[in-house]
Amino acid sequence: MTSKAILARMLADLEAEYRYWLVEEIRLGRGIDEMEDTINRHEAEFGAERIAGFRARLAQTRKQYQAIEEKIRAIRHRLDDLRARLQQIP
């Protein structure tokens, strides 16, 4: 396998991973929005203890979301690097 073919395969694999994490980011972002909406709409009904539990889970979900954002940025950087390397190969 030529170095160009290897880089092209690496790029394709990385693009697939990038798409996966983008979908996860969207899914998790929607979940955060829904959880915030639920907390705000039903705060009086749920009581302080249950709301505290929801807020704790929401904080953990936000941390996961931030980790995914960081992962996406790192993958995007690697994608840019691989594309540049691939363009340099004749």
N, C-alpha and C. Protein backbone atom coordinates (compact mmCIF):
# COMPACT_ATOMS: atom_id res chain seq x y z
N MET A 1 0.84 -1.17 0.00
CA MET A 1 0.00 0.00 0.00
C MET A 1 0.89 1.24 0.00
N THR A 2 0.59 2.18 -0.85
CA THR A 2 1.40 3.39 -0.94
C THR A 2 1.12 4.31 0.24
N SER A 3 2.04 5.23 0.46
CA SER A 3 1.85 6.16 1.57
C SER A 3 0.61 7.03 1.35
N LYS A 4 0.33 7.36 0.09
CA LYS A 4 -0.86 8.16 -0.20
C LYS A 4 -2.12 7.35 0.12
N ALA A 5 -2.14 6.08 -0.21
CA ALA A 5 -3.29 5.23 0.08
C ALA A 5 -3.47 5.05 1.59
N ILE A 6 -2.37 4.93 2.28
CA ILE A 6 -2.43 4.80 3.74
C ILE A 6 -3.01 6.07 4.36
N LEU A 7 -2.51 7.23 3.91
CA LEU A 7 -3.04 8.49 4.42
C LEU A 7 -4.51 8.67 4.07
N ALA A 8 -4.89 8.28 2.86
CA ALA A 8 -6.29 8.39 2.45
C ALA A 8 -7.18 7.52 3.34
N ARG A 9 -6.71 6.32 3.66
CA ARG A 9 -7.47 5.43 4.54
C ARG A 9 -7.57 6.01 5.95
N MET A 10 -6.47 6.55 6.44
CA MET A 10 -6.46 7.17 7.76
C MET A 10 -7.45 8.34 7.79
N LEU A 11 -7.44 9.12 6.72
CA LEU A 11 -8.35 10.26 6.62
C LEU A 11 -9.81 9.81 6.62
N ALA A 12 -10.12 8.77 5.87
CA ALA A 12 -11.48 8.25 5.83
C ALA A 12 -11.93 7.75 7.20
N ASP A 13 -11.04 7.04 7.89
CA ASP A 13 -11.37 6.54 9.22
C ASP A 13 -11.60 7.69 10.20
N LEU A 14 -10.75 8.70 10.12
CA LEU A 14 -10.86 9.85 11.00
C LEU A 14 -12.11 10.66 10.71
N GLU A 15 -12.47 10.77 9.43
CA GLU A 15 -13.71 11.47 9.08
C GLU A 15 -14.93 10.73 9.65
N ALA A 16 -14.91 9.41 9.63
CA ALA A 16 -16.01 8.63 10.20
C ALA A 16 -16.09 8.86 11.71
N GLU A 17 -14.96 8.89 12.36
CA GLU A 17 -14.94 9.14 13.81
C GLU A 17 -15.45 10.55 14.10
N TYR A 18 -15.04 11.50 13.28
CA TYR A 18 -15.48 12.90 13.43
C TYR A 18 -17.01 12.99 13.33
N ARG A 19 -17.58 12.32 12.32
CA ARG A 19 -19.04 12.35 12.16
C ARG A 19 -19.74 11.71 13.36
N TYR A 20 -19.17 10.62 13.86
CA TYR A 20 -19.75 9.96 15.03
C TYR A 20 -19.83 10.93 16.21
N TRP A 21 -18.72 11.61 16.50
CA TRP A 21 -18.69 12.51 17.64
C TRP A 21 -19.57 13.75 17.43
N LEU A 22 -19.70 14.20 16.19
CA LEU A 22 -20.62 15.31 15.92
C LEU A 22 -22.06 14.91 16.26
N VAL A 23 -22.45 13.71 15.87
CA VAL A 23 -23.79 13.22 16.19
C VAL A 23 -23.97 13.11 17.70
N GLU A 24 -22.97 12.60 18.38
CA GLU A 24 -23.04 12.49 19.84
C GLU A 24 -23.16 13.87 20.49
N GLU A 25 -22.44 14.83 19.97
CA GLU A 25 -22.51 16.20 20.50
C GLU A 25 -23.92 16.76 20.32
N ILE A 26 -24.50 16.57 19.17
CA ILE A 26 -25.86 17.05 18.91
C ILE A 26 -26.85 16.36 19.84
N ARG A 27 -26.73 15.04 19.95
CA ARG A 27 -27.63 14.27 20.80
C ARG A 27 -27.54 14.72 22.26
N LEU A 28 -26.34 14.88 22.74
CA LEU A 28 -26.14 15.28 24.12
C LEU A 28 -26.60 16.72 24.34
N GLY A 29 -26.36 17.58 23.37
CA GLY A 29 -26.82 18.97 23.48
C GLY A 29 -28.33 19.04 23.58
N ARG A 30 -29.01 18.24 22.79
CA ARG A 30 -30.48 18.21 22.87
C ARG A 30 -30.93 17.68 24.23
N GLY A 31 -30.23 16.68 24.73
CA GLY A 31 -30.56 16.15 26.05
C GLY A 31 -30.40 17.19 27.14
N ILE A 32 -29.36 17.99 27.04
CA ILE A 32 -29.14 19.07 28.01
C ILE A 32 -30.29 20.07 27.94
N ASP A 33 -30.65 20.45 26.73
CA ASP A 33 -31.76 21.40 26.56
C ASP A 33 -33.05 20.85 27.15
N GLU A 34 -33.33 19.58 26.88
CA GLU A 34 -34.55 18.96 27.39
C GLU A 34 -34.54 18.88 28.91
N MET A 35 -33.38 18.54 29.47
CA MET A 35 -33.29 18.43 30.92
C MET A 35 -33.47 19.79 31.58
N GLU A 36 -32.85 20.82 31.00
CA GLU A 36 -33.02 22.18 31.54
C GLU A 36 -34.48 22.60 31.47
N ASP A 37 -35.13 22.31 30.36
CA ASP A 37 -36.53 22.67 30.19
C ASP A 37 -37.41 21.94 31.21
N THR A 38 -37.14 20.67 31.40
CA THR A 38 -37.91 19.89 32.38
C THR A 38 -37.72 20.44 33.78
N ILE A 39 -36.50 20.75 34.13
CA ILE A 39 -36.23 21.31 35.46
C ILE A 39 -36.98 22.62 35.64
N ASN A 40 -36.91 23.48 34.65
CA ASN A 40 -37.55 24.79 34.77
C ASN A 40 -39.08 24.68 34.83
N ARG A 41 -39.66 23.77 34.05
CA ARG A 41 -41.11 23.64 34.01
C ARG A 41 -41.68 22.99 35.27
N HIS A 42 -40.93 22.07 35.86
CA HIS A 42 -41.48 21.28 36.95
C HIS A 42 -40.76 21.48 38.28
N GLU A 43 -40.04 22.56 38.40
CA GLU A 43 -39.26 22.78 39.62
C GLU A 43 -40.12 22.73 40.88
N ALA A 44 -41.25 23.38 40.86
CA ALA A 44 -42.12 23.41 42.04
C ALA A 44 -42.72 22.04 42.33
N GLU A 45 -43.00 21.27 41.30
CA GLU A 45 -43.62 19.95 41.47
C GLU A 45 -42.66 18.91 42.04
N PHE A 46 -41.41 18.97 41.59
CA PHE A 46 -40.45 17.92 41.95
C PHE A 46 -39.91 18.05 43.36
N GLY A 47 -39.81 19.21 43.87
CA GLY A 47 -39.24 19.40 45.19
C GLY A 47 -37.74 19.62 45.12
N ALA A 48 -37.21 20.19 46.18
CA ALA A 48 -35.80 20.61 46.20
C ALA A 48 -34.82 19.45 46.05
N GLU A 49 -35.10 18.33 46.72
CA GLU A 49 -34.17 17.20 46.68
C GLU A 49 -34.07 16.60 45.27
N ARG A 50 -35.20 16.41 44.66
CA ARG A 50 -35.21 15.83 43.31
C ARG A 50 -34.59 16.79 42.29
N ILE A 51 -34.87 18.08 42.44
CA ILE A 51 -34.28 19.08 41.54
C ILE A 51 -32.77 19.10 41.72
N ALA A 52 -32.30 18.97 42.95
CA ALA A 52 -30.85 18.94 43.19
C ALA A 52 -30.22 17.74 42.46
N GLY A 53 -30.90 16.61 42.47
CA GLY A 53 -30.41 15.44 41.75
C GLY A 53 -30.36 15.68 40.25
N PHE A 54 -31.41 16.30 39.73
CA PHE A 54 -31.43 16.64 38.30
C PHE A 54 -30.30 17.59 37.94
N ARG A 55 -30.09 18.59 38.78
CA ARG A 55 -29.03 19.58 38.50
C ARG A 55 -27.64 18.92 38.56
N ALA A 56 -27.47 17.97 39.46
CA ALA A 56 -26.19 17.26 39.55
C ALA A 56 -25.96 16.43 38.28
N ARG A 57 -27.00 15.75 37.81
CA ARG A 57 -26.88 14.99 36.56
C ARG A 57 -26.64 15.91 35.37
N LEU A 58 -27.29 17.07 35.41
CA LEU A 58 -27.11 18.04 34.34
C LEU A 58 -25.67 18.55 34.31
N ALA A 59 -25.10 18.79 35.46
CA ALA A 59 -23.70 19.23 35.53
C ALA A 59 -22.77 18.16 34.98
N GLN A 60 -23.03 16.90 35.30
CA GLN A 60 -22.21 15.80 34.78
C GLN A 60 -22.37 15.68 33.26
N THR A 61 -23.57 15.85 32.77
CA THR A 61 -23.83 15.79 31.34
C THR A 61 -23.11 16.92 30.62
N ARG A 62 -23.08 18.09 31.23
CA ARG A 62 -22.36 19.22 30.63
C ARG A 62 -20.86 18.93 30.54
N LYS A 63 -20.32 18.27 31.55
CA LYS A 63 -18.90 17.89 31.51
C LYS A 63 -18.64 16.92 30.36
N GLN A 64 -19.53 15.97 30.18
CA GLN A 64 -19.40 15.03 29.06
C GLN A 64 -19.47 15.77 27.73
N TYR A 65 -20.36 16.73 27.64
CA TYR A 65 -20.52 17.53 26.43
C TYR A 65 -19.23 18.29 26.13
N GLN A 66 -18.64 18.89 27.16
CA GLN A 66 -17.39 19.61 26.98
C GLN A 66 -16.26 18.68 26.54
N ALA A 67 -16.22 17.49 27.09
CA ALA A 67 -15.20 16.51 26.70
C ALA A 67 -15.36 16.13 25.23
N ILE A 68 -16.60 15.97 24.80
CA ILE A 68 -16.85 15.65 23.39
C ILE A 68 -16.43 16.82 22.50
N GLU A 69 -16.73 18.05 22.93
CA GLU A 69 -16.31 19.22 22.15
C GLU A 69 -14.79 19.24 21.99
N GLU A 70 -14.08 18.95 23.07
CA GLU A 70 -12.61 18.93 23.01
C GLU A 70 -12.13 17.83 22.06
N LYS A 71 -12.78 16.69 22.12
CA LYS A 71 -12.42 15.57 21.25
C LYS A 71 -12.64 15.95 19.79
N ILE A 72 -13.75 16.62 19.52
CA ILE A 72 -14.05 17.06 18.15
C ILE A 72 -13.00 18.03 17.65
N ARG A 73 -12.60 18.98 18.50
CA ARG A 73 -11.55 19.93 18.11
C ARG A 73 -10.24 19.22 17.80
N ALA A 74 -9.89 18.24 18.61
CA ALA A 74 -8.65 17.49 18.37
C ALA A 74 -8.72 16.70 17.07
N ILE A 75 -9.86 16.08 16.82
CA ILE A 75 -10.03 15.32 15.58
C ILE A 75 -9.99 16.25 14.38
N ARG A 76 -10.63 17.41 14.51
CA ARG A 76 -10.63 18.37 13.40
C ARG A 76 -9.19 18.82 13.08
N HIS A 77 -8.41 19.02 14.12
CA HIS A 77 -7.01 19.40 13.93
C HIS A 77 -6.25 18.29 13.20
N ARG A 78 -6.46 17.04 13.62
CA ARG A 78 -5.80 15.91 12.95
C ARG A 78 -6.28 15.77 11.51
N LEU A 79 -7.57 16.02 11.26
CA LEU A 79 -8.09 15.97 9.90
C LEU A 79 -7.41 17.01 9.01
N ASP A 80 -7.29 18.22 9.53
CA ASP A 80 -6.63 19.28 8.76
C ASP A 80 -5.19 18.90 8.45
N ASP A 81 -4.52 18.32 9.44
CA ASP A 81 -3.13 17.91 9.25
C ASP A 81 -3.02 16.81 8.19
N LEU A 82 -3.89 15.81 8.28
CA LEU A 82 -3.86 14.71 7.30
C LEU A 82 -4.20 15.20 5.90
N ARG A 83 -5.16 16.10 5.79
CA ARG A 83 -5.50 16.64 4.46
C ARG A 83 -4.31 17.39 3.86
N ALA A 84 -3.64 18.17 4.69
CA ALA A 84 -2.47 18.92 4.21
C ALA A 84 -1.37 17.96 3.76
N ARG A 85 -1.13 16.92 4.56
CA ARG A 85 -0.10 15.93 4.20
C ARG A 85 -0.47 15.20 2.92
N LEU A 86 -1.76 14.89 2.78
CA LEU A 86 -2.22 14.18 1.59
C LEU A 86 -2.08 15.03 0.33
N GLN A 87 -2.32 16.32 0.45
CA GLN A 87 -2.18 17.22 -0.70
C GLN A 87 -0.73 17.38 -1.13
N GLN A 88 0.20 17.19 -0.22
CA GLN A 88 1.61 17.34 -0.54
C GLN A 88 2.16 16.14 -1.30
N ILE A 89 1.48 15.02 -1.21
CA ILE A 89 1.95 13.80 -1.89
C ILE A 89 1.44 13.83 -3.33
N PRO A 90 2.36 13.68 -4.29
CA PRO A 90 1.95 13.71 -5.70
C PRO A 90 1.17 12.48 -6.11
